[in-house]
Protein backbone atom coordinates (compact mmCIF):
# COMPACT_ATOMS: atom_id res chain seq x y z
CA UNK A 1 23.17 4.61 -0.13
CA UNK A 2 22.12 6.31 -3.18
CA UNK A 3 25.41 8.24 -3.22
CA UNK A 4 27.63 4.98 -3.81
CA UNK A 5 25.90 4.35 -7.32
CA UNK A 6 26.98 6.04 -10.60
CA UNK A 7 24.77 8.73 -12.26
CA UNK A 8 23.73 6.16 -14.87
CA UNK A 9 22.84 3.48 -12.09
CA UNK A 10 20.72 6.08 -10.38
CA UNK A 11 18.79 6.95 -13.65
CA UNK A 12 18.42 3.17 -14.23
CA UNK A 13 16.87 2.89 -10.63
CA UNK A 14 14.69 6.23 -11.03
CA UNK A 15 13.33 4.63 -14.24
CA UNK A 16 12.57 1.20 -12.39
CA UNK A 17 10.79 3.02 -9.68
CA UNK A 18 8.92 5.02 -12.17
CA UNK A 19 7.45 1.79 -13.75
CA UNK A 20 6.67 0.15 -10.53
CA UNK A 21 5.74 3.10 -7.99
CA UNK A 22 2.31 3.73 -6.74
CA UNK A 23 0.16 6.36 -7.33
CA UNK A 24 -2.13 8.53 -4.71
CA UNK A 25 -4.99 8.70 -7.23
CA UNK A 26 -5.24 5.24 -7.63
CA UNK A 27 -5.19 4.36 -4.01
CA UNK A 28 -7.82 6.76 -3.46
CA UNK A 29 -9.97 5.60 -6.24
CA UNK A 30 -9.63 2.02 -5.04
CA UNK A 31 -10.48 3.30 -1.53
CA UNK A 32 -13.98 5.11 -2.80
CA UNK A 33 -14.98 2.33 -5.11
CA UNK A 34 -13.82 -0.86 -3.08
CA UNK A 35 -13.12 0.64 0.60
CA UNK A 36 -14.65 -2.22 2.53
CA UNK A 37 -13.06 -4.96 0.44
CA UNK A 38 -9.66 -3.13 1.18
CA UNK A 39 -8.24 -3.24 -2.50
CA UNK A 40 -6.29 0.12 -1.69
CA UNK A 41 -4.58 -1.96 0.87
CA UNK A 42 -3.47 -4.68 -1.21
CA UNK A 43 -2.62 -1.89 -4.07
CA UNK A 44 -0.23 -0.58 -1.27
CA UNK A 45 1.32 -4.16 -0.49
CA UNK A 46 -0.44 -4.07 3.21
CA UNK A 47 -1.88 -7.59 2.53
CA UNK A 48 -2.39 -8.66 5.96
CA UNK A 49 -4.18 -5.75 6.90
CA UNK A 50 -6.13 -5.91 4.02
CA UNK A 51 -7.06 -9.77 4.37
CA UNK A 52 -8.25 -8.76 7.91
CA UNK A 53 -10.16 -5.70 6.71
CA UNK A 54 -11.90 -7.99 3.99
CA UNK A 55 -12.88 -10.77 6.52
CA UNK A 56 -14.38 -8.56 8.98
CA UNK A 57 -16.41 -6.75 6.03
CA UNK A 58 -17.71 -10.07 5.15
CA UNK A 59 -18.66 -10.82 8.63
CA UNK A 60 -20.00 -7.51 9.26
CA UNK A 61 -22.21 -7.67 6.27
CA UNK A 62 -23.76 -11.09 7.12
CA UNK A 63 -24.21 -10.23 10.70
CA UNK A 64 -25.42 -6.32 10.21
CA UNK A 65 -29.02 -7.68 11.33
CA UNK A 66 -27.38 -8.11 14.88
CA UNK A 67 -25.56 -5.75 17.01
CA UNK A 68 -21.94 -7.29 16.55
CA UNK A 69 -22.37 -6.65 12.86
CA UNK A 70 -23.10 -2.89 13.31
CA UNK A 71 -19.94 -2.73 15.50
CA UNK A 72 -18.05 -4.41 12.75
CA UNK A 73 -19.40 -2.19 10.30
CA UNK A 74 -18.78 1.07 12.06
CA UNK A 75 -15.22 -0.12 13.01
CA UNK A 76 -14.68 -0.75 9.17
CA UNK A 77 -15.90 2.83 8.57
CA UNK A 78 -13.41 4.45 11.06
CA UNK A 79 -10.65 2.61 9.61
CA UNK A 80 -11.56 3.62 6.18
CA UNK A 81 -12.16 7.19 7.39
CA UNK A 82 -8.34 7.31 9.28
CA UNK A 83 -7.23 5.78 5.86
CA UNK A 84 -8.62 8.57 3.87
CA UNK A 85 -6.09 10.75 5.24
CA UNK A 86 -2.95 8.52 5.50
CA UNK A 87 -2.94 7.22 1.82
CA UNK A 88 -0.33 10.03 0.64
CA UNK A 89 1.77 8.93 3.45
CA UNK A 90 1.23 5.35 2.92
CA UNK A 91 2.06 5.76 -0.92
CA UNK A 92 5.28 7.74 -0.17
CA UNK A 93 6.36 5.10 2.26
CA UNK A 94 5.88 2.35 -0.25
CA UNK A 95 7.45 4.17 -2.99
CA UNK A 96 10.64 4.82 -0.54
CA UNK A 97 10.88 0.95 0.18
CA UNK A 98 10.56 0.45 -3.57
CA UNK A 99 13.64 2.78 -4.17
CA UNK A 100 15.58 1.35 -1.32
CA UNK A 101 15.02 -2.26 -2.58
CA UNK A 102 16.25 -1.42 -5.81
CA UNK A 103 19.34 0.40 -4.79
CA UNK A 104 20.20 -2.62 -2.26
CA UNK A 105 19.74 -4.77 -5.48
CA UNK A 106 22.11 -2.87 -7.42
CA UNK A 107 24.53 -2.52 -4.44
CA UNK A 108 24.59 -6.37 -3.99
CA UNK A 109 25.04 -7.00 -7.70
CA UNK A 110 28.06 -4.74 -7.81
CA UNK A 111 29.74 -6.78 -5.17
CA UNK A 112 29.44 -9.79 -6.91
CA UNK A 113 31.11 -8.67 -10.02
């Protein structure tokens, strides 16, 4: 799709993507600072899973005196551990989708003109 655009349009898309793209270091910072609150998931646009993790964290916190709370907390920790290694891939996927979205918008606008 990118080949259908002029060099100037490609530069404009690159500029737009650079303004909005997510950064790996920010995602890691959010993971380490607010992991259980899944702030890094919200940052990367994964709002549904982020909300589920947030709700489970709250439930796990309030039920941590019971066995179910301990299981929930362990599950959350396992998810955070796996995400520790998946963040670079998630950031790359997000930025790729962002670029594709801008390219589609440019192509759509050019068809209407």
